Amino acid sequence: MVLVVGGTGLIGSATVERLRAEGATVVPASRHVSEGIVMDARDDASVHGGVARVLAEHGRLDAVVVAAAPSARTLDPERNSDPAQVRDAFDAKALAFLRVAGAVLPGMRAAGFGRIVGVSGQNAFSTGNITGSVRNAALVIIAKNLADEVAGSGVTVNTVNPGIVTPAPDPQVAIGKSGQSTPFEVADVITFLASPRSSGVSGEAIAVGHRMRGFSGL
């Protein structure tokens, strides 16, 4: 049983499709859904209510994918260093992930099994956009902290970090840039991390598309 928060977005909807193709029961959640449940990941009560509904209807929750966040293209590039935009973007992405993870972790730890996957972005690895860097890097750091807290419990926490996601990615990768990828290429990595096959992977931030050409991180 998998809950995909942000399951109607570009990456989220591709993830729902991939997971179902693998045979998983999947519930998409979003602020506006025609299928699944309504959940606003910026609101504690909405998150806890949504998780409670999934558990009541399905009796278990094996994995959660958090792909809920406004696209980077919706952010105002003229306000990249505006504290108000940074704050709102941080809340809508990094804290949204933390809210959802916090709501599901107790049940997963009690069950001795769980998969949590967050969608960050390769802005986490670069400068030049304070809004993008902060909201993505914070999500990666939160996920790593949570992974360390639950180490050895049977629960894993990871993030995927795509560059630009588009149905028709450019195969060329410029120096200092990340590679582009399709929504389904991102969904393939998420699907693996949400599966029982990924038991040996936790606390990782995995780039999708070529990772920041010209840079090395150890």
N, C-alpha and C. Protein backbone atom coordinates (compact mmCIF):
# COMPACT_ATOMS: atom_id res chain seq x y z
N MET A 1 0.85 -1.18 0.00
CA MET A 1 0.00 0.00 0.00
C MET A 1 0.89 1.24 0.00
N VAL A 2 0.74 2.08 -1.02
CA VAL A 2 1.61 3.25 -1.17
C VAL A 2 0.75 4.51 -1.26
N LEU A 3 1.12 5.51 -0.51
CA LEU A 3 0.50 6.83 -0.58
C LEU A 3 1.44 7.75 -1.34
N VAL A 4 0.94 8.39 -2.39
CA VAL A 4 1.75 9.35 -3.16
C VAL A 4 1.17 10.73 -2.95
N VAL A 5 1.84 11.53 -2.15
CA VAL A 5 1.40 12.89 -1.87
C VAL A 5 1.92 13.79 -2.98
N GLY A 6 1.02 14.54 -3.58
CA GLY A 6 1.35 15.24 -4.81
C GLY A 6 1.16 14.33 -6.01
N GLY A 7 0.23 13.40 -5.87
CA GLY A 7 0.06 12.34 -6.86
C GLY A 7 -0.60 12.77 -8.15
N THR A 8 -0.98 14.03 -8.27
CA THR A 8 -1.56 14.51 -9.53
C THR A 8 -0.60 15.38 -10.32
N GLY A 9 0.59 15.63 -9.77
CA GLY A 9 1.57 16.46 -10.46
C GLY A 9 2.33 15.68 -11.52
N LEU A 10 3.28 16.36 -12.15
CA LEU A 10 4.04 15.76 -13.25
C LEU A 10 4.77 14.49 -12.81
N ILE A 11 5.54 14.61 -11.74
CA ILE A 11 6.28 13.44 -11.22
C ILE A 11 5.35 12.51 -10.46
N GLY A 12 4.47 13.07 -9.67
CA GLY A 12 3.58 12.25 -8.86
C GLY A 12 2.69 11.34 -9.68
N SER A 13 2.10 11.87 -10.75
CA SER A 13 1.21 11.04 -11.57
C SER A 13 1.98 9.94 -12.29
N ALA A 14 3.21 10.24 -12.73
CA ALA A 14 4.04 9.20 -13.35
C ALA A 14 4.40 8.13 -12.33
N THR A 15 4.62 8.54 -11.10
CA THR A 15 4.95 7.58 -10.04
C THR A 15 3.77 6.68 -9.73
N VAL A 16 2.59 7.26 -9.66
CA VAL A 16 1.38 6.45 -9.44
C VAL A 16 1.26 5.38 -10.53
N GLU A 17 1.47 5.79 -11.77
CA GLU A 17 1.36 4.84 -12.88
C GLU A 17 2.40 3.74 -12.79
N ARG A 18 3.65 4.11 -12.50
CA ARG A 18 4.72 3.11 -12.40
C ARG A 18 4.47 2.13 -11.25
N LEU A 19 4.07 2.65 -10.10
CA LEU A 19 3.82 1.78 -8.95
C LEU A 19 2.69 0.80 -9.23
N ARG A 20 1.65 1.27 -9.86
CA ARG A 20 0.54 0.38 -10.20
C ARG A 20 0.96 -0.68 -11.20
N ALA A 21 1.84 -0.29 -12.12
CA ALA A 21 2.34 -1.27 -13.08
C ALA A 21 3.13 -2.37 -12.39
N GLU A 22 3.70 -2.05 -11.22
CA GLU A 22 4.44 -3.04 -10.44
C GLU A 22 3.52 -3.88 -9.55
N GLY A 23 2.23 -3.56 -9.58
CA GLY A 23 1.28 -4.33 -8.80
C GLY A 23 0.91 -3.74 -7.45
N ALA A 24 1.38 -2.52 -7.16
CA ALA A 24 1.10 -1.91 -5.87
C ALA A 24 -0.30 -1.30 -5.85
N THR A 25 -0.90 -1.32 -4.67
CA THR A 25 -2.11 -0.53 -4.43
C THR A 25 -1.66 0.88 -4.10
N VAL A 26 -2.14 1.86 -4.83
CA VAL A 26 -1.64 3.24 -4.70
C VAL A 26 -2.79 4.20 -4.48
N VAL A 27 -2.62 5.08 -3.50
CA VAL A 27 -3.59 6.15 -3.26
C VAL A 27 -2.90 7.48 -3.53
N PRO A 28 -3.32 8.22 -4.56
CA PRO A 28 -2.77 9.55 -4.78
C PRO A 28 -3.45 10.56 -3.85
N ALA A 29 -2.68 11.52 -3.38
CA ALA A 29 -3.22 12.57 -2.52
C ALA A 29 -2.76 13.92 -3.06
N SER A 30 -3.66 14.88 -3.00
CA SER A 30 -3.34 16.22 -3.48
C SER A 30 -4.38 17.17 -2.92
N ARG A 31 -4.14 18.45 -3.10
CA ARG A 31 -5.13 19.43 -2.65
C ARG A 31 -6.39 19.36 -3.50
N HIS A 32 -6.24 18.92 -4.75
CA HIS A 32 -7.38 18.82 -5.66
C HIS A 32 -7.27 17.48 -6.38
N VAL A 33 -8.16 16.54 -6.07
CA VAL A 33 -8.10 15.23 -6.71
C VAL A 33 -9.48 14.78 -7.13
N SER A 34 -9.53 14.04 -8.24
CA SER A 34 -10.76 13.38 -8.64
C SER A 34 -10.72 11.92 -8.22
N GLU A 35 -9.52 11.44 -7.92
CA GLU A 35 -9.30 10.07 -7.46
C GLU A 35 -8.33 10.13 -6.30
N GLY A 36 -8.57 9.35 -5.25
CA GLY A 36 -7.66 9.34 -4.11
C GLY A 36 -8.22 10.19 -2.98
N ILE A 37 -7.35 10.87 -2.26
CA ILE A 37 -7.79 11.66 -1.11
C ILE A 37 -7.28 13.08 -1.21
N VAL A 38 -8.03 13.99 -0.61
CA VAL A 38 -7.61 15.39 -0.55
C VAL A 38 -6.67 15.56 0.64
N MET A 39 -5.50 16.12 0.36
CA MET A 39 -4.53 16.39 1.42
C MET A 39 -3.71 17.62 1.06
N ASP A 40 -3.60 18.53 2.01
CA ASP A 40 -2.74 19.69 1.86
C ASP A 40 -1.53 19.47 2.76
N ALA A 41 -0.38 19.20 2.15
CA ALA A 41 0.82 18.86 2.93
C ALA A 41 1.38 20.05 3.70
N ARG A 42 0.80 21.22 3.51
CA ARG A 42 1.22 22.39 4.29
C ARG A 42 0.42 22.53 5.58
N ASP A 43 -0.53 21.60 5.81
CA ASP A 43 -1.42 21.71 6.96
C ASP A 43 -1.38 20.43 7.78
N ASP A 44 -1.00 20.56 9.05
CA ASP A 44 -0.84 19.38 9.91
C ASP A 44 -2.12 18.56 10.01
N ALA A 45 -3.25 19.22 10.22
CA ALA A 45 -4.50 18.49 10.39
C ALA A 45 -4.87 17.74 9.12
N SER A 46 -4.64 18.37 7.97
CA SER A 46 -4.95 17.72 6.69
C SER A 46 -4.08 16.48 6.48
N VAL A 47 -2.80 16.59 6.84
CA VAL A 47 -1.88 15.46 6.68
C VAL A 47 -2.30 14.31 7.58
N HIS A 48 -2.51 14.59 8.85
CA HIS A 48 -2.85 13.51 9.78
C HIS A 48 -4.22 12.91 9.44
N GLY A 49 -5.15 13.76 9.00
CA GLY A 49 -6.45 13.24 8.60
C GLY A 49 -6.36 12.34 7.38
N GLY A 50 -5.54 12.73 6.42
CA GLY A 50 -5.36 11.92 5.22
C GLY A 50 -4.72 10.57 5.51
N VAL A 51 -3.68 10.59 6.34
CA VAL A 51 -3.01 9.34 6.71
C VAL A 51 -3.97 8.43 7.47
N ALA A 52 -4.75 9.00 8.38
CA ALA A 52 -5.72 8.21 9.15
C ALA A 52 -6.75 7.57 8.22
N ARG A 53 -7.17 8.30 7.20
CA ARG A 53 -8.15 7.76 6.26
C ARG A 53 -7.57 6.58 5.47
N VAL A 54 -6.32 6.73 5.03
CA VAL A 54 -5.68 5.63 4.29
C VAL A 54 -5.60 4.38 5.17
N LEU A 55 -5.19 4.56 6.41
CA LEU A 55 -5.07 3.42 7.31
C LEU A 55 -6.43 2.79 7.61
N ALA A 56 -7.45 3.63 7.75
CA ALA A 56 -8.78 3.11 8.03
C ALA A 56 -9.33 2.31 6.84
N GLU A 57 -9.03 2.77 5.63
CA GLU A 57 -9.58 2.13 4.44
C GLU A 57 -8.76 0.94 3.97
N HIS A 58 -7.45 0.95 4.24
CA HIS A 58 -6.58 -0.09 3.70
C HIS A 58 -5.89 -0.93 4.77
N GLY A 59 -5.88 -0.44 6.01
CA GLY A 59 -5.34 -1.24 7.11
C GLY A 59 -3.83 -1.24 7.23
N ARG A 60 -3.13 -0.62 6.28
CA ARG A 60 -1.67 -0.60 6.33
C ARG A 60 -1.15 0.51 5.42
N LEU A 61 0.10 0.85 5.64
CA LEU A 61 0.76 1.84 4.80
C LEU A 61 2.23 1.46 4.73
N ASP A 62 2.62 0.92 3.59
CA ASP A 62 3.97 0.38 3.45
C ASP A 62 4.98 1.42 2.95
N ALA A 63 4.50 2.36 2.15
CA ALA A 63 5.42 3.33 1.57
C ALA A 63 4.70 4.65 1.33
N VAL A 64 5.46 5.72 1.43
CA VAL A 64 4.94 7.06 1.16
C VAL A 64 5.94 7.79 0.26
N VAL A 65 5.41 8.36 -0.79
CA VAL A 65 6.20 9.22 -1.68
C VAL A 65 5.68 10.63 -1.54
N VAL A 66 6.58 11.58 -1.30
CA VAL A 66 6.18 12.97 -1.17
C VAL A 66 6.74 13.76 -2.35
N ALA A 67 5.86 14.03 -3.30
CA ALA A 67 6.23 14.79 -4.49
C ALA A 67 5.45 16.10 -4.55
N ALA A 68 4.97 16.53 -3.40
CA ALA A 68 4.10 17.70 -3.34
C ALA A 68 4.93 18.96 -3.16
N ALA A 69 4.97 19.77 -4.18
CA ALA A 69 5.63 21.07 -4.09
C ALA A 69 5.36 21.83 -5.39
N PRO A 70 5.24 23.14 -5.33
CA PRO A 70 5.11 23.90 -6.57
C PRO A 70 6.34 23.72 -7.45
N SER A 71 6.13 23.62 -8.75
CA SER A 71 7.25 23.52 -9.68
C SER A 71 8.18 24.72 -9.53
N ALA A 72 9.48 24.47 -9.74
CA ALA A 72 10.44 25.57 -9.68
C ALA A 72 10.10 26.66 -10.69
N ARG A 73 9.41 26.27 -11.76
CA ARG A 73 9.06 27.25 -12.79
C ARG A 73 7.96 28.19 -12.35
N THR A 74 7.29 27.86 -11.23
CA THR A 74 6.26 28.75 -10.71
C THR A 74 6.83 29.80 -9.76
N LEU A 75 8.09 29.66 -9.40
CA LEU A 75 8.73 30.62 -8.50
C LEU A 75 9.19 31.84 -9.28
N ASP A 76 9.12 33.00 -8.65
CA ASP A 76 9.49 34.25 -9.30
C ASP A 76 11.01 34.41 -9.27
N PRO A 77 11.70 34.34 -10.43
CA PRO A 77 13.16 34.47 -10.42
C PRO A 77 13.64 35.83 -9.93
N GLU A 78 12.78 36.83 -9.97
CA GLU A 78 13.14 38.16 -9.46
C GLU A 78 13.12 38.20 -7.93
N ARG A 79 12.58 37.14 -7.33
CA ARG A 79 12.45 37.11 -5.86
C ARG A 79 13.22 35.94 -5.25
N ASN A 80 14.24 35.47 -5.94
CA ASN A 80 14.98 34.31 -5.45
C ASN A 80 15.60 34.52 -4.08
N SER A 81 15.93 35.76 -3.74
CA SER A 81 16.50 36.06 -2.43
C SER A 81 15.52 36.79 -1.52
N ASP A 82 14.27 36.81 -1.90
CA ASP A 82 13.23 37.45 -1.09
C ASP A 82 12.88 36.52 0.07
N PRO A 83 13.06 36.95 1.32
CA PRO A 83 12.79 36.06 2.45
C PRO A 83 11.37 35.50 2.45
N ALA A 84 10.40 36.28 1.97
CA ALA A 84 9.02 35.79 1.96
C ALA A 84 8.87 34.62 0.99
N GLN A 85 9.47 34.72 -0.19
CA GLN A 85 9.38 33.61 -1.14
C GLN A 85 10.16 32.40 -0.63
N VAL A 86 11.32 32.64 -0.04
CA VAL A 86 12.12 31.53 0.50
C VAL A 86 11.33 30.80 1.59
N ARG A 87 10.72 31.57 2.47
CA ARG A 87 9.94 30.98 3.57
C ARG A 87 8.79 30.14 3.03
N ASP A 88 8.03 30.69 2.09
CA ASP A 88 6.88 29.96 1.56
C ASP A 88 7.31 28.70 0.82
N ALA A 89 8.40 28.79 0.05
CA ALA A 89 8.89 27.64 -0.69
C ALA A 89 9.42 26.56 0.25
N PHE A 90 10.10 26.98 1.31
CA PHE A 90 10.60 26.05 2.32
C PHE A 90 9.44 25.31 2.98
N ASP A 91 8.38 26.03 3.32
CA ASP A 91 7.23 25.41 3.95
C ASP A 91 6.54 24.44 3.02
N ALA A 92 6.39 24.83 1.74
CA ALA A 92 5.63 24.02 0.79
C ALA A 92 6.38 22.77 0.33
N LYS A 93 7.69 22.75 0.52
CA LYS A 93 8.45 21.58 0.06
C LYS A 93 9.13 20.84 1.22
N ALA A 94 10.06 21.48 1.90
CA ALA A 94 10.81 20.79 2.95
C ALA A 94 9.94 20.46 4.15
N LEU A 95 9.17 21.44 4.64
CA LEU A 95 8.32 21.16 5.80
C LEU A 95 7.15 20.27 5.43
N ALA A 96 6.68 20.36 4.19
CA ALA A 96 5.62 19.43 3.75
C ALA A 96 6.11 18.00 3.86
N PHE A 97 7.33 17.76 3.41
CA PHE A 97 7.92 16.42 3.52
C PHE A 97 8.01 15.99 4.99
N LEU A 98 8.48 16.90 5.84
CA LEU A 98 8.63 16.57 7.26
C LEU A 98 7.28 16.27 7.90
N ARG A 99 6.25 17.02 7.55
CA ARG A 99 4.92 16.77 8.12
C ARG A 99 4.43 15.37 7.76
N VAL A 100 4.54 15.03 6.48
CA VAL A 100 4.06 13.73 6.04
C VAL A 100 4.87 12.61 6.67
N ALA A 101 6.19 12.76 6.64
CA ALA A 101 7.05 11.73 7.24
C ALA A 101 6.75 11.56 8.73
N GLY A 102 6.56 12.67 9.42
CA GLY A 102 6.27 12.60 10.84
C GLY A 102 4.95 11.90 11.14
N ALA A 103 4.00 12.03 10.21
CA ALA A 103 2.69 11.41 10.42
C ALA A 103 2.72 9.90 10.20
N VAL A 104 3.62 9.42 9.35
CA VAL A 104 3.62 7.99 9.01
C VAL A 104 4.69 7.19 9.74
N LEU A 105 5.72 7.84 10.21
CA LEU A 105 6.83 7.10 10.81
C LEU A 105 6.45 6.27 12.03
N PRO A 106 5.64 6.76 12.95
CA PRO A 106 5.32 5.91 14.12
C PRO A 106 4.70 4.57 13.72
N GLY A 107 3.77 4.59 12.78
CA GLY A 107 3.15 3.34 12.35
C GLY A 107 4.12 2.43 11.64
N MET A 108 5.00 2.99 10.82
CA MET A 108 5.99 2.19 10.11
C MET A 108 6.98 1.56 11.09
N ARG A 109 7.40 2.33 12.06
CA ARG A 109 8.35 1.77 13.05
C ARG A 109 7.69 0.64 13.84
N ALA A 110 6.43 0.83 14.18
CA ALA A 110 5.72 -0.23 14.92
C ALA A 110 5.58 -1.49 14.07
N ALA A 111 5.40 -1.31 12.76
CA ALA A 111 5.26 -2.45 11.85
C ALA A 111 6.60 -3.08 11.51
N GLY A 112 7.69 -2.36 11.74
CA GLY A 112 9.01 -2.88 11.40
C GLY A 112 9.33 -2.82 9.93
N PHE A 113 8.57 -2.00 9.20
CA PHE A 113 8.81 -1.87 7.76
C PHE A 113 8.20 -0.57 7.27
N GLY A 114 8.91 0.07 6.35
CA GLY A 114 8.35 1.26 5.70
C GLY A 114 9.35 1.88 4.75
N ARG A 115 8.82 2.57 3.76
CA ARG A 115 9.64 3.28 2.79
C ARG A 115 9.11 4.71 2.67
N ILE A 116 10.00 5.67 2.84
CA ILE A 116 9.64 7.08 2.65
C ILE A 116 10.57 7.65 1.60
N VAL A 117 10.01 8.24 0.57
CA VAL A 117 10.80 8.82 -0.51
C VAL A 117 10.34 10.25 -0.74
N GLY A 118 11.27 11.18 -0.68
CA GLY A 118 10.96 12.58 -0.97
C GLY A 118 11.56 12.99 -2.30
N VAL A 119 10.90 13.93 -2.97
CA VAL A 119 11.41 14.47 -4.22
C VAL A 119 11.99 15.84 -3.95
N SER A 120 13.29 15.96 -4.10
CA SER A 120 13.99 17.22 -3.91
C SER A 120 14.32 17.77 -5.30
N GLY A 121 15.56 18.15 -5.54
CA GLY A 121 15.96 18.68 -6.84
C GLY A 121 17.43 19.01 -6.82
N GLN A 122 18.03 19.09 -8.00
CA GLN A 122 19.47 19.32 -8.06
C GLN A 122 19.88 20.75 -7.72
N ASN A 123 18.91 21.64 -7.54
CA ASN A 123 19.24 22.95 -6.97
C ASN A 123 19.84 22.81 -5.57
N ALA A 124 19.59 21.67 -4.93
CA ALA A 124 20.17 21.42 -3.61
C ALA A 124 21.68 21.41 -3.66
N PHE A 125 22.26 21.15 -4.84
CA PHE A 125 23.71 20.99 -4.97
C PHE A 125 24.39 22.21 -5.58
N SER A 126 23.63 23.27 -5.82
CA SER A 126 24.22 24.42 -6.52
C SER A 126 23.79 25.73 -5.88
N THR A 127 24.50 26.79 -6.23
CA THR A 127 24.14 28.13 -5.78
C THR A 127 23.56 28.91 -6.96
N GLY A 128 23.18 30.16 -6.69
CA GLY A 128 22.64 31.01 -7.74
C GLY A 128 21.14 31.20 -7.65
N ASN A 129 20.48 30.45 -6.77
CA ASN A 129 19.04 30.55 -6.60
C ASN A 129 18.75 30.20 -5.15
N ILE A 130 18.66 31.20 -4.28
CA ILE A 130 18.50 30.94 -2.85
C ILE A 130 17.22 30.17 -2.57
N THR A 131 16.13 30.55 -3.21
CA THR A 131 14.87 29.85 -2.98
C THR A 131 14.99 28.37 -3.33
N GLY A 132 15.49 28.10 -4.53
CA GLY A 132 15.62 26.72 -4.96
C GLY A 132 16.59 25.93 -4.12
N SER A 133 17.72 26.54 -3.80
CA SER A 133 18.72 25.84 -3.00
C SER A 133 18.20 25.49 -1.62
N VAL A 134 17.59 26.46 -0.96
CA VAL A 134 17.14 26.26 0.42
C VAL A 134 16.05 25.21 0.50
N ARG A 135 15.04 25.30 -0.35
CA ARG A 135 13.92 24.37 -0.21
C ARG A 135 14.33 22.94 -0.54
N ASN A 136 15.25 22.78 -1.49
CA ASN A 136 15.68 21.43 -1.87
C ASN A 136 16.73 20.86 -0.93
N ALA A 137 17.72 21.69 -0.56
CA ALA A 137 18.75 21.21 0.36
C ALA A 137 18.16 20.86 1.72
N ALA A 138 17.20 21.66 2.17
CA ALA A 138 16.57 21.39 3.47
C ALA A 138 15.85 20.05 3.45
N LEU A 139 15.19 19.72 2.35
CA LEU A 139 14.50 18.44 2.26
C LEU A 139 15.50 17.29 2.35
N VAL A 140 16.62 17.40 1.64
CA VAL A 140 17.65 16.36 1.68
C VAL A 140 18.18 16.19 3.10
N ILE A 141 18.44 17.30 3.78
CA ILE A 141 18.98 17.24 5.15
C ILE A 141 17.96 16.64 6.11
N ILE A 142 16.70 17.03 5.97
CA ILE A 142 15.65 16.45 6.81
C ILE A 142 15.57 14.94 6.60
N ALA A 143 15.59 14.51 5.34
CA ALA A 143 15.49 13.08 5.05
C ALA A 143 16.67 12.30 5.63
N LYS A 144 17.86 12.86 5.54
CA LYS A 144 19.03 12.18 6.09
C LYS A 144 18.93 12.05 7.61
N ASN A 145 18.47 13.11 8.27
CA ASN A 145 18.28 13.04 9.71
C ASN A 145 17.25 11.98 10.09
N LEU A 146 16.14 11.93 9.36
CA LEU A 146 15.12 10.93 9.66
C LEU A 146 15.65 9.52 9.40
N ALA A 147 16.39 9.35 8.31
CA ALA A 147 16.98 8.04 8.01
C ALA A 147 17.88 7.58 9.15
N ASP A 148 18.67 8.49 9.69
CA ASP A 148 19.55 8.13 10.80
C ASP A 148 18.76 7.78 12.06
N GLU A 149 17.65 8.49 12.27
CA GLU A 149 16.83 8.23 13.46
C GLU A 149 16.22 6.83 13.42
N VAL A 150 15.87 6.36 12.22
CA VAL A 150 15.18 5.06 12.12
C VAL A 150 16.09 3.93 11.65
N ALA A 151 17.39 4.19 11.61
CA ALA A 151 18.33 3.17 11.14
C ALA A 151 18.16 1.87 11.93
N GLY A 152 18.06 0.76 11.22
CA GLY A 152 17.93 -0.54 11.85
C GLY A 152 16.51 -0.94 12.19
N SER A 153 15.55 -0.06 11.89
CA SER A 153 14.15 -0.33 12.27
C SER A 153 13.36 -1.06 11.18
N GLY A 154 13.94 -1.17 9.99
CA GLY A 154 13.19 -1.70 8.85
C GLY A 154 12.57 -0.61 8.00
N VAL A 155 12.70 0.64 8.45
CA VAL A 155 12.18 1.79 7.70
C VAL A 155 13.34 2.50 7.02
N THR A 156 13.17 2.87 5.75
CA THR A 156 14.20 3.61 5.04
C THR A 156 13.65 4.95 4.59
N VAL A 157 14.55 5.93 4.49
CA VAL A 157 14.18 7.27 4.05
C VAL A 157 15.21 7.73 3.03
N ASN A 158 14.76 8.10 1.85
CA ASN A 158 15.65 8.54 0.78
C ASN A 158 15.02 9.70 0.02
N THR A 159 15.85 10.38 -0.78
CA THR A 159 15.34 11.41 -1.67
C THR A 159 15.85 11.16 -3.08
N VAL A 160 15.06 11.60 -4.05
CA VAL A 160 15.53 11.66 -5.44
C VAL A 160 15.64 13.12 -5.82
N ASN A 161 16.64 13.42 -6.66
CA ASN A 161 16.96 14.80 -6.99
C ASN A 161 17.06 14.99 -8.50
N PRO A 162 15.93 15.22 -9.16
CA PRO A 162 16.00 15.46 -10.60
C PRO A 162 16.45 16.87 -10.92
N GLY A 163 16.99 17.03 -12.13
CA GLY A 163 17.18 18.37 -12.67
C GLY A 163 15.87 18.79 -13.30
N ILE A 164 15.93 19.42 -14.45
CA ILE A 164 14.70 19.79 -15.16
C ILE A 164 13.99 18.52 -15.61
N VAL A 165 12.68 18.46 -15.34
CA VAL A 165 11.87 17.32 -15.73
C VAL A 165 10.94 17.75 -16.85
N THR A 166 11.01 17.05 -17.96
CA THR A 166 10.25 17.43 -19.15
C THR A 166 9.95 16.19 -19.98
N PRO A 167 8.84 16.17 -20.69
CA PRO A 167 8.54 15.00 -21.53
C PRO A 167 9.57 14.76 -22.63
N ALA A 168 10.30 15.82 -23.02
CA ALA A 168 11.30 15.69 -24.09
C ALA A 168 12.63 16.28 -23.63
N PRO A 169 13.38 15.54 -22.80
CA PRO A 169 14.62 16.09 -22.25
C PRO A 169 15.71 16.27 -23.30
N ASP A 170 16.51 17.30 -23.12
CA ASP A 170 17.67 17.55 -23.98
C ASP A 170 18.78 16.58 -23.58
N PRO A 171 19.31 15.78 -24.49
CA PRO A 171 20.35 14.81 -24.12
C PRO A 171 21.69 15.47 -23.79
N GLN A 172 21.88 16.72 -24.19
CA GLN A 172 23.14 17.41 -23.92
C GLN A 172 23.16 17.94 -22.48
N VAL A 173 24.32 17.86 -21.84
CA VAL A 173 24.47 18.35 -20.48
C VAL A 173 25.59 19.38 -20.46
N ALA A 174 25.26 20.60 -20.16
CA ALA A 174 26.25 21.68 -20.15
C ALA A 174 27.08 21.63 -18.88
N ILE A 175 28.30 22.15 -18.96
CA ILE A 175 29.16 22.26 -17.77
C ILE A 175 28.46 23.13 -16.73
N GLY A 176 28.44 22.64 -15.50
CA GLY A 176 27.80 23.38 -14.41
C GLY A 176 26.30 23.20 -14.34
N LYS A 177 25.76 22.33 -15.19
CA LYS A 177 24.32 22.09 -15.20
C LYS A 177 24.03 20.62 -14.94
N SER A 178 22.79 20.37 -14.54
CA SER A 178 22.36 18.99 -14.36
C SER A 178 21.69 18.49 -15.62
N GLY A 179 21.61 17.17 -15.76
CA GLY A 179 20.94 16.59 -16.90
C GLY A 179 19.43 16.61 -16.74
N GLN A 180 18.73 16.66 -17.85
CA GLN A 180 17.27 16.63 -17.83
C GLN A 180 16.77 15.19 -17.85
N SER A 181 15.52 15.01 -17.44
CA SER A 181 14.96 13.67 -17.41
C SER A 181 13.45 13.75 -17.62
N THR A 182 12.86 12.61 -17.97
CA THR A 182 11.41 12.55 -18.13
C THR A 182 10.77 12.25 -16.78
N PRO A 183 9.48 12.53 -16.64
CA PRO A 183 8.79 12.17 -15.39
C PRO A 183 8.89 10.68 -15.09
N PHE A 184 8.85 9.84 -16.12
CA PHE A 184 8.88 8.40 -15.88
C PHE A 184 10.27 7.91 -15.50
N GLU A 185 11.32 8.59 -15.93
CA GLU A 185 12.67 8.24 -15.46
C GLU A 185 12.81 8.53 -13.98
N VAL A 186 12.24 9.63 -13.54
CA VAL A 186 12.23 9.93 -12.10
C VAL A 186 11.38 8.91 -11.36
N ALA A 187 10.23 8.59 -11.93
CA ALA A 187 9.32 7.64 -11.29
C ALA A 187 9.94 6.25 -11.16
N ASP A 188 10.78 5.86 -12.12
CA ASP A 188 11.44 4.55 -12.04
C ASP A 188 12.31 4.46 -10.79
N VAL A 189 13.05 5.52 -10.49
CA VAL A 189 13.92 5.52 -9.31
C VAL A 189 13.08 5.53 -8.04
N ILE A 190 12.04 6.36 -8.04
CA ILE A 190 11.15 6.41 -6.87
C ILE A 190 10.53 5.04 -6.62
N THR A 191 10.08 4.39 -7.67
CA THR A 191 9.42 3.08 -7.53
C THR A 191 10.37 2.06 -6.91
N PHE A 192 11.63 2.07 -7.34
CA PHE A 192 12.60 1.16 -6.72
C PHE A 192 12.77 1.48 -5.24
N LEU A 193 12.94 2.75 -4.90
CA LEU A 193 13.17 3.13 -3.51
C LEU A 193 11.96 2.85 -2.62
N ALA A 194 10.76 2.83 -3.21
CA ALA A 194 9.55 2.56 -2.45
C ALA A 194 9.26 1.07 -2.31
N SER A 195 10.09 0.24 -2.91
CA SER A 195 9.83 -1.20 -2.93
C SER A 195 10.63 -1.93 -1.86
N PRO A 196 10.23 -3.15 -1.52
CA PRO A 196 11.01 -3.95 -0.59
C PRO A 196 12.42 -4.26 -1.10
N ARG A 197 12.64 -4.18 -2.42
CA ARG A 197 13.96 -4.47 -2.99
C ARG A 197 15.02 -3.46 -2.56
N SER A 198 14.58 -2.31 -2.04
CA SER A 198 15.54 -1.24 -1.72
C SER A 198 16.00 -1.27 -0.27
N SER A 199 15.88 -2.41 0.39
CA SER A 199 16.14 -2.48 1.84
C SER A 199 17.54 -2.04 2.23
N GLY A 200 18.50 -2.13 1.32
CA GLY A 200 19.87 -1.74 1.67
C GLY A 200 20.19 -0.30 1.39
N VAL A 201 19.19 0.49 1.00
CA VAL A 201 19.43 1.89 0.65
C VAL A 201 18.64 2.79 1.59
N SER A 202 19.34 3.62 2.35
CA SER A 202 18.67 4.59 3.21
C SER A 202 19.60 5.76 3.47
N GLY A 203 19.02 6.93 3.62
CA GLY A 203 19.81 8.13 3.86
C GLY A 203 20.49 8.68 2.62
N GLU A 204 20.03 8.23 1.43
CA GLU A 204 20.68 8.64 0.18
C GLU A 204 19.89 9.74 -0.53
N ALA A 205 20.63 10.59 -1.24
CA ALA A 205 20.06 11.60 -2.13
C ALA A 205 20.54 11.25 -3.54
N ILE A 206 19.65 10.70 -4.34
CA ILE A 206 20.02 10.13 -5.63
C ILE A 206 19.61 11.07 -6.76
N ALA A 207 20.59 11.51 -7.54
CA ALA A 207 20.30 12.38 -8.67
C ALA A 207 19.67 11.58 -9.80
N VAL A 208 18.71 12.18 -10.48
CA VAL A 208 18.10 11.60 -11.67
C VAL A 208 18.40 12.55 -12.83
N GLY A 209 18.89 11.97 -13.95
CA GLY A 209 19.52 12.81 -14.95
C GLY A 209 20.98 12.94 -14.54
N HIS A 210 21.79 13.45 -15.38
CA HIS A 210 23.21 13.59 -15.06
C HIS A 210 23.37 14.55 -13.88
N ARG A 211 24.15 14.13 -12.88
CA ARG A 211 24.32 14.96 -11.70
C ARG A 211 25.35 16.05 -11.94
N MET A 212 24.93 17.30 -11.98
CA MET A 212 25.75 18.51 -11.99
C MET A 212 27.11 18.31 -12.68
N ARG A 213 27.13 18.34 -13.98
CA ARG A 213 28.34 18.09 -14.74
C ARG A 213 29.45 19.08 -14.34
N GLY A 214 30.61 18.53 -14.03
CA GLY A 214 31.76 19.35 -13.67
C GLY A 214 31.99 19.49 -12.18
N PHE A 215 31.17 18.81 -11.36
CA PHE A 215 31.31 18.90 -9.90
C PHE A 215 31.39 17.51 -9.30
N SER A 216 32.13 17.39 -8.22
CA SER A 216 32.26 16.12 -7.51
C SER A 216 31.96 16.35 -6.05
N GLY A 217 31.14 15.47 -5.46
CA GLY A 217 30.86 15.56 -4.03
C GLY A 217 31.16 14.23 -3.39
N LEU A 218 31.91 14.21 -2.32
CA LEU A 218 32.29 12.97 -1.63
C LEU A 218 31.53 12.86 -0.33
